[in-house]
N, C-alpha and C. Protein backbone atom coordinates (compact mmCIF):
# COMPACT_ATOMS: atom_id res chain seq x y z
N MET A 1 0.84 -1.18 0.00
CA MET A 1 0.00 0.00 0.00
C MET A 1 0.89 1.24 0.00
N LYS A 2 0.60 2.16 -0.89
CA LYS A 2 1.41 3.37 -1.00
C LYS A 2 0.58 4.59 -0.67
N ASP A 3 1.05 5.36 0.31
CA ASP A 3 0.38 6.61 0.67
C ASP A 3 0.84 7.70 -0.28
N ASN A 4 0.34 8.90 -0.04
CA ASN A 4 0.76 10.04 -0.85
C ASN A 4 2.24 10.34 -0.67
N TYR A 5 2.78 9.98 0.47
CA TYR A 5 4.18 10.25 0.76
C TYR A 5 4.87 8.96 1.19
N GLU A 6 6.08 8.84 0.80
CA GLU A 6 6.89 7.75 1.32
C GLU A 6 7.29 8.13 2.75
N LEU A 7 7.50 7.14 3.58
CA LEU A 7 7.83 7.39 4.99
C LEU A 7 9.02 8.33 5.13
N HIS A 8 10.06 8.12 4.35
CA HIS A 8 11.27 8.94 4.48
C HIS A 8 11.05 10.40 4.06
N GLU A 9 9.89 10.69 3.46
CA GLU A 9 9.58 12.07 3.09
C GLU A 9 8.76 12.80 4.15
N LEU A 10 8.28 12.07 5.15
CA LEU A 10 7.46 12.69 6.19
C LEU A 10 8.32 13.48 7.16
N ILE A 11 7.87 14.68 7.50
CA ILE A 11 8.61 15.55 8.41
C ILE A 11 8.83 14.85 9.75
N SER A 12 7.79 14.24 10.30
CA SER A 12 7.90 13.60 11.61
C SER A 12 8.94 12.48 11.58
N PHE A 13 8.97 11.72 10.52
CA PHE A 13 9.94 10.63 10.42
C PHE A 13 11.37 11.19 10.32
N ARG A 14 11.56 12.18 9.47
CA ARG A 14 12.90 12.76 9.30
C ARG A 14 13.39 13.43 10.58
N LEU A 15 12.50 14.18 11.24
CA LEU A 15 12.90 14.82 12.49
C LEU A 15 13.18 13.79 13.57
N GLY A 16 12.40 12.71 13.59
CA GLY A 16 12.64 11.65 14.56
C GLY A 16 13.99 11.00 14.38
N ARG A 17 14.34 10.69 13.13
CA ARG A 17 15.65 10.09 12.84
C ARG A 17 16.77 11.06 13.20
N LEU A 18 16.59 12.31 12.82
CA LEU A 18 17.60 13.33 13.12
C LEU A 18 17.74 13.51 14.62
N GLY A 19 16.61 13.56 15.32
CA GLY A 19 16.63 13.72 16.78
C GLY A 19 17.38 12.59 17.46
N TYR A 20 17.11 11.37 17.02
CA TYR A 20 17.80 10.22 17.59
C TYR A 20 19.30 10.31 17.34
N SER A 21 19.67 10.64 16.12
CA SER A 21 21.09 10.73 15.76
C SER A 21 21.81 11.82 16.54
N VAL A 22 21.18 12.99 16.64
CA VAL A 22 21.80 14.12 17.33
C VAL A 22 21.90 13.83 18.83
N THR A 23 20.86 13.23 19.40
CA THR A 23 20.90 12.89 20.83
C THR A 23 22.01 11.89 21.11
N SER A 24 22.16 10.91 20.24
CA SER A 24 23.23 9.92 20.42
C SER A 24 24.60 10.57 20.31
N LEU A 25 24.76 11.45 19.34
CA LEU A 25 26.03 12.16 19.15
C LEU A 25 26.32 13.04 20.36
N TYR A 26 25.31 13.76 20.83
CA TYR A 26 25.49 14.63 21.99
C TYR A 26 25.84 13.82 23.24
N ALA A 27 25.14 12.70 23.43
CA ALA A 27 25.43 11.83 24.58
C ALA A 27 26.88 11.36 24.53
N ASP A 28 27.35 11.03 23.36
CA ASP A 28 28.74 10.58 23.21
C ASP A 28 29.72 11.70 23.56
N ARG A 29 29.40 12.93 23.16
CA ARG A 29 30.27 14.08 23.44
C ARG A 29 30.25 14.48 24.91
N LEU A 30 29.20 14.10 25.62
CA LEU A 30 29.08 14.45 27.04
C LEU A 30 29.70 13.42 27.97
N LYS A 31 30.00 12.24 27.45
CA LYS A 31 30.48 11.14 28.29
C LYS A 31 31.67 11.55 29.15
N PHE A 32 32.60 12.29 28.58
CA PHE A 32 33.80 12.65 29.34
C PHE A 32 33.48 13.58 30.52
N LEU A 33 32.31 14.22 30.48
CA LEU A 33 31.88 15.06 31.59
C LEU A 33 31.13 14.25 32.65
N GLY A 34 30.79 13.01 32.31
CA GLY A 34 30.07 12.15 33.24
C GLY A 34 28.58 12.44 33.32
N ILE A 35 28.04 13.07 32.27
CA ILE A 35 26.61 13.40 32.25
C ILE A 35 25.98 12.98 30.93
N THR A 36 24.65 13.06 30.90
CA THR A 36 23.87 12.74 29.71
C THR A 36 23.07 13.98 29.29
N PRO A 37 22.44 13.92 28.11
CA PRO A 37 21.58 15.05 27.72
C PRO A 37 20.48 15.34 28.74
N LYS A 38 19.99 14.33 29.44
CA LYS A 38 18.95 14.57 30.45
C LYS A 38 19.51 15.36 31.63
N HIS A 39 20.74 15.08 32.00
CA HIS A 39 21.38 15.88 33.06
C HIS A 39 21.48 17.34 32.61
N VAL A 40 21.83 17.54 31.35
CA VAL A 40 21.94 18.91 30.81
C VAL A 40 20.59 19.60 30.89
N GLY A 41 19.52 18.87 30.60
CA GLY A 41 18.18 19.44 30.71
C GLY A 41 17.88 19.94 32.12
N VAL A 42 18.29 19.17 33.11
CA VAL A 42 18.11 19.57 34.51
C VAL A 42 18.91 20.83 34.79
N LEU A 43 20.18 20.83 34.42
CA LEU A 43 21.04 21.98 34.67
C LEU A 43 20.52 23.24 33.97
N ALA A 44 20.12 23.10 32.72
CA ALA A 44 19.62 24.24 31.94
C ALA A 44 18.33 24.80 32.54
N THR A 45 17.45 23.91 32.97
CA THR A 45 16.19 24.36 33.57
C THR A 45 16.44 25.08 34.88
N LEU A 46 17.32 24.55 35.71
CA LEU A 46 17.64 25.22 36.97
C LEU A 46 18.30 26.57 36.71
N HIS A 47 19.11 26.64 35.68
CA HIS A 47 19.75 27.92 35.32
C HIS A 47 18.69 28.95 34.92
N THR A 48 17.68 28.51 34.19
CA THR A 48 16.63 29.41 33.72
C THR A 48 15.61 29.73 34.79
N LYS A 49 15.17 28.71 35.52
CA LYS A 49 14.06 28.87 36.46
C LYS A 49 14.49 29.23 37.88
N GLY A 50 15.75 28.99 38.21
CA GLY A 50 16.19 29.22 39.58
C GLY A 50 15.84 28.01 40.45
N VAL A 51 15.66 28.25 41.72
CA VAL A 51 15.34 27.17 42.66
C VAL A 51 13.90 26.71 42.42
N ILE A 52 13.74 25.41 42.12
CA ILE A 52 12.40 24.85 41.93
C ILE A 52 12.35 23.46 42.57
N THR A 53 11.14 22.97 42.77
CA THR A 53 10.97 21.65 43.36
C THR A 53 11.26 20.57 42.32
N GLN A 54 11.55 19.38 42.82
CA GLN A 54 11.77 18.24 41.92
C GLN A 54 10.51 17.99 41.09
N GLN A 55 9.35 18.13 41.71
CA GLN A 55 8.07 17.92 41.00
C GLN A 55 7.91 18.93 39.87
N GLU A 56 8.19 20.20 40.15
CA GLU A 56 8.09 21.24 39.12
C GLU A 56 9.07 20.96 37.98
N LEU A 57 10.25 20.50 38.33
CA LEU A 57 11.26 20.18 37.32
C LEU A 57 10.78 19.03 36.44
N ALA A 58 10.18 18.02 37.04
CA ALA A 58 9.65 16.89 36.27
C ALA A 58 8.59 17.37 35.29
N LEU A 59 7.69 18.23 35.74
CA LEU A 59 6.65 18.78 34.85
C LEU A 59 7.27 19.61 33.74
N GLU A 60 8.23 20.43 34.09
CA GLU A 60 8.90 21.30 33.11
C GLU A 60 9.57 20.48 32.01
N LEU A 61 10.22 19.37 32.40
CA LEU A 61 10.95 18.55 31.44
C LEU A 61 10.08 17.46 30.81
N GLY A 62 8.88 17.27 31.35
CA GLY A 62 7.99 16.25 30.80
C GLY A 62 8.48 14.83 31.06
N VAL A 63 9.07 14.62 32.24
CA VAL A 63 9.58 13.29 32.61
C VAL A 63 8.99 12.87 33.95
N ALA A 64 9.16 11.60 34.27
CA ALA A 64 8.66 11.08 35.55
C ALA A 64 9.45 11.66 36.72
N PRO A 65 8.78 11.97 37.81
CA PRO A 65 9.49 12.47 38.99
C PRO A 65 10.59 11.52 39.46
N SER A 66 10.39 10.22 39.29
CA SER A 66 11.42 9.26 39.71
C SER A 66 12.72 9.45 38.92
N LEU A 67 12.60 9.86 37.65
CA LEU A 67 13.81 10.13 36.86
C LEU A 67 14.53 11.36 37.39
N ILE A 68 13.77 12.37 37.78
CA ILE A 68 14.38 13.58 38.34
C ILE A 68 15.17 13.24 39.60
N VAL A 69 14.63 12.35 40.42
CA VAL A 69 15.33 11.94 41.64
C VAL A 69 16.68 11.33 41.28
N LEU A 70 16.70 10.44 40.29
CA LEU A 70 17.96 9.80 39.88
C LEU A 70 18.95 10.80 39.29
N LEU A 71 18.46 11.68 38.43
CA LEU A 71 19.33 12.69 37.83
C LEU A 71 19.87 13.64 38.91
N ALA A 72 19.01 14.03 39.84
CA ALA A 72 19.43 14.92 40.92
C ALA A 72 20.46 14.22 41.81
N ASP A 73 20.29 12.93 42.06
CA ASP A 73 21.29 12.19 42.84
C ASP A 73 22.66 12.29 42.18
N ASP A 74 22.70 12.05 40.87
CA ASP A 74 23.97 12.13 40.13
C ASP A 74 24.58 13.52 40.23
N LEU A 75 23.76 14.54 39.96
CA LEU A 75 24.27 15.92 39.94
C LEU A 75 24.66 16.40 41.33
N GLU A 76 23.95 15.95 42.34
CA GLU A 76 24.31 16.31 43.71
C GLU A 76 25.65 15.69 44.09
N ALA A 77 25.88 14.46 43.67
CA ALA A 77 27.17 13.79 43.95
C ALA A 77 28.33 14.51 43.26
N MET A 78 28.03 15.21 42.17
CA MET A 78 29.05 15.96 41.44
C MET A 78 29.17 17.40 41.96
N HIS A 79 28.39 17.74 42.99
CA HIS A 79 28.33 19.09 43.56
C HIS A 79 27.84 20.12 42.56
N ALA A 80 27.07 19.66 41.57
CA ALA A 80 26.52 20.55 40.54
C ALA A 80 25.22 21.19 41.00
N ILE A 81 24.49 20.51 41.88
CA ILE A 81 23.26 21.04 42.44
C ILE A 81 23.22 20.75 43.93
N THR A 82 22.33 21.45 44.61
CA THR A 82 22.08 21.21 46.02
C THR A 82 20.59 20.99 46.21
N ARG A 83 20.26 20.02 47.05
CA ARG A 83 18.86 19.81 47.45
C ARG A 83 18.62 20.60 48.72
N LEU A 84 17.48 21.28 48.75
CA LEU A 84 17.10 22.08 49.91
C LEU A 84 15.69 21.67 50.34
N ARG A 85 15.48 21.47 51.62
CA ARG A 85 14.14 21.20 52.12
C ARG A 85 13.29 22.45 51.95
N ASP A 86 12.07 22.25 51.49
CA ASP A 86 11.13 23.35 51.34
C ASP A 86 10.72 23.83 52.74
N ALA A 87 10.76 25.12 52.97
CA ALA A 87 10.44 25.68 54.29
C ALA A 87 8.98 25.48 54.66
N THR A 88 8.09 25.43 53.69
CA THR A 88 6.66 25.29 53.97
C THR A 88 6.19 23.84 53.97
N ASP A 89 6.93 22.96 53.31
CA ASP A 89 6.56 21.54 53.25
C ASP A 89 7.84 20.71 53.25
N ARG A 90 8.19 20.15 54.40
CA ARG A 90 9.47 19.46 54.55
C ARG A 90 9.57 18.20 53.69
N ARG A 91 8.44 17.72 53.16
CA ARG A 91 8.48 16.55 52.27
C ARG A 91 9.01 16.92 50.89
N ARG A 92 8.93 18.19 50.57
CA ARG A 92 9.32 18.66 49.25
C ARG A 92 10.80 19.02 49.20
N GLN A 93 11.44 18.65 48.08
CA GLN A 93 12.85 18.97 47.86
C GLN A 93 12.95 20.04 46.77
N ASN A 94 13.64 21.12 47.09
CA ASN A 94 13.95 22.14 46.09
C ASN A 94 15.35 21.86 45.57
N LEU A 95 15.58 22.20 44.33
CA LEU A 95 16.89 22.02 43.72
C LEU A 95 17.46 23.37 43.33
N ARG A 96 18.75 23.54 43.59
CA ARG A 96 19.44 24.79 43.27
C ARG A 96 20.71 24.48 42.51
N LEU A 97 20.96 25.22 41.45
CA LEU A 97 22.18 25.09 40.66
C LEU A 97 23.35 25.69 41.44
N GLU A 98 24.46 24.98 41.47
CA GLU A 98 25.66 25.45 42.14
C GLU A 98 26.69 25.88 41.10
N PRO A 99 27.74 26.62 41.52
CA PRO A 99 28.77 27.05 40.56
C PRO A 99 29.36 25.89 39.75
N ALA A 100 29.57 24.74 40.36
CA ALA A 100 30.09 23.59 39.62
C ALA A 100 29.10 23.13 38.55
N GLY A 101 27.80 23.28 38.84
CA GLY A 101 26.77 22.93 37.87
C GLY A 101 26.74 23.90 36.70
N LEU A 102 26.94 25.17 37.00
CA LEU A 102 26.99 26.18 35.93
C LEU A 102 28.20 25.92 35.03
N GLU A 103 29.32 25.57 35.63
CA GLU A 103 30.52 25.25 34.84
C GLU A 103 30.27 24.01 33.96
N LEU A 104 29.62 23.02 34.51
CA LEU A 104 29.28 21.81 33.76
C LEU A 104 28.33 22.15 32.61
N LEU A 105 27.34 22.99 32.89
CA LEU A 105 26.40 23.42 31.85
C LEU A 105 27.12 24.16 30.73
N GLU A 106 28.04 25.03 31.07
CA GLU A 106 28.79 25.77 30.06
C GLU A 106 29.59 24.83 29.16
N LYS A 107 30.18 23.80 29.73
CA LYS A 107 30.91 22.81 28.94
C LYS A 107 29.97 22.02 28.03
N ALA A 108 28.79 21.70 28.55
CA ALA A 108 27.80 20.96 27.75
C ALA A 108 27.28 21.81 26.60
N VAL A 109 27.07 23.09 26.86
CA VAL A 109 26.61 24.00 25.80
C VAL A 109 27.68 24.12 24.72
N LYS A 110 28.93 24.16 25.13
CA LYS A 110 30.03 24.22 24.16
C LYS A 110 29.98 23.01 23.23
N ARG A 111 29.73 21.83 23.78
CA ARG A 111 29.65 20.60 22.96
C ARG A 111 28.46 20.69 22.01
N ALA A 112 27.35 21.22 22.50
CA ALA A 112 26.16 21.36 21.65
C ALA A 112 26.43 22.33 20.50
N ARG A 113 27.15 23.41 20.79
CA ARG A 113 27.48 24.38 19.72
C ARG A 113 28.39 23.74 18.67
N GLU A 114 29.31 22.90 19.12
CA GLU A 114 30.17 22.19 18.16
C GLU A 114 29.34 21.32 17.23
N ILE A 115 28.34 20.64 17.79
CA ILE A 115 27.46 19.80 16.96
C ILE A 115 26.65 20.67 16.02
N ASP A 116 26.15 21.81 16.50
CA ASP A 116 25.43 22.74 15.62
C ASP A 116 26.30 23.15 14.44
N ASP A 117 27.56 23.45 14.72
CA ASP A 117 28.48 23.85 13.64
C ASP A 117 28.64 22.73 12.63
N GLU A 118 28.75 21.51 13.12
CA GLU A 118 28.90 20.36 12.22
C GLU A 118 27.63 20.15 11.39
N LEU A 119 26.47 20.23 12.03
CA LEU A 119 25.21 20.02 11.32
C LEU A 119 24.97 21.10 10.27
N GLY A 120 25.38 22.30 10.59
CA GLY A 120 25.14 23.42 9.68
C GLY A 120 26.29 23.74 8.74
N ALA A 121 27.27 22.85 8.66
CA ALA A 121 28.47 23.13 7.87
C ALA A 121 28.14 23.41 6.40
N ASN A 122 27.11 22.78 5.87
CA ASN A 122 26.77 22.97 4.45
C ASN A 122 25.63 23.95 4.23
N LEU A 123 25.26 24.67 5.28
CA LEU A 123 24.17 25.64 5.18
C LEU A 123 24.71 27.06 5.18
N THR A 124 24.02 27.93 4.48
CA THR A 124 24.37 29.36 4.54
C THR A 124 23.88 29.92 5.87
N SER A 125 24.33 31.10 6.24
CA SER A 125 23.87 31.70 7.49
C SER A 125 22.37 31.95 7.45
N GLY A 126 21.85 32.30 6.28
CA GLY A 126 20.40 32.50 6.13
C GLY A 126 19.63 31.20 6.32
N GLN A 127 20.15 30.11 5.80
CA GLN A 127 19.51 28.81 5.97
C GLN A 127 19.54 28.37 7.42
N LYS A 128 20.65 28.64 8.10
CA LYS A 128 20.74 28.30 9.53
C LYS A 128 19.70 29.08 10.33
N GLN A 129 19.56 30.36 10.04
CA GLN A 129 18.58 31.18 10.76
C GLN A 129 17.16 30.70 10.46
N LEU A 130 16.88 30.38 9.22
CA LEU A 130 15.56 29.87 8.86
C LEU A 130 15.27 28.55 9.57
N LEU A 131 16.25 27.67 9.62
CA LEU A 131 16.08 26.39 10.31
C LEU A 131 15.77 26.61 11.78
N ARG A 132 16.51 27.53 12.44
CA ARG A 132 16.24 27.84 13.84
C ARG A 132 14.79 28.31 14.02
N GLU A 133 14.37 29.21 13.14
CA GLU A 133 13.01 29.76 13.23
C GLU A 133 11.96 28.67 13.02
N LEU A 134 12.17 27.81 12.06
CA LEU A 134 11.22 26.72 11.80
C LEU A 134 11.15 25.75 12.97
N LEU A 135 12.30 25.41 13.52
CA LEU A 135 12.31 24.49 14.66
C LEU A 135 11.62 25.10 15.88
N MET A 136 11.80 26.38 16.10
CA MET A 136 11.13 27.05 17.21
C MET A 136 9.62 27.09 16.98
N ALA A 137 9.21 27.25 15.71
CA ALA A 137 7.78 27.33 15.39
C ALA A 137 7.07 26.00 15.60
N ILE A 138 7.78 24.88 15.45
CA ILE A 138 7.12 23.58 15.58
C ILE A 138 7.48 22.87 16.88
N GLU A 139 8.11 23.56 17.79
CA GLU A 139 8.50 22.94 19.06
C GLU A 139 7.28 22.37 19.76
N ILE A 140 7.43 21.16 20.25
CA ILE A 140 6.35 20.49 20.97
C ILE A 140 6.65 20.58 22.46
N HIS A 141 5.68 21.07 23.21
CA HIS A 141 5.84 21.20 24.66
C HIS A 141 5.21 19.99 25.34
N PRO A 142 5.80 19.52 26.44
CA PRO A 142 5.21 18.40 27.16
C PRO A 142 3.79 18.75 27.63
N LYS A 143 2.92 17.75 27.59
CA LYS A 143 1.54 17.95 28.06
C LYS A 143 1.55 18.00 29.58
N GLU A 144 0.79 18.91 30.11
CA GLU A 144 0.67 18.98 31.57
C GLU A 144 -0.40 17.99 32.00
N GLU A 145 -0.12 17.33 33.12
CA GLU A 145 -1.09 16.37 33.64
C GLU A 145 -2.27 17.12 34.22
N SER A 146 -3.47 16.58 33.99
CA SER A 146 -4.66 17.25 34.53
C SER A 146 -5.19 16.55 35.74
């Protein structure tokens, strides 16, 4: 059965393949830092949002709270973040980015920029800007639980 489009021509399929490839490449480039792209997501969100709860971070990243606990354990062991008891609810853990975490984030961003340069090596500056704009226009945000 043949649809109007072959699978390899579908935007979702191409972006999915590209996303998988880029994530794998980025994970490989981060190995020497001892972190993964998910750790970078935690660091970047804390850098942007400031001190937030583990639950808020899970919602922001669209992942299970149990994953946030594991990622926070790793980052806390690296002195990249600090867990703080919430003053109003002692059951809640707030997370704060530490200077070592900011340094780690800066190194991770540098690796991401290197990959961007490689991906865009055959594109003009105008094409790179258009690609950025298109990707921002179709960005999918995690669904909030109701």
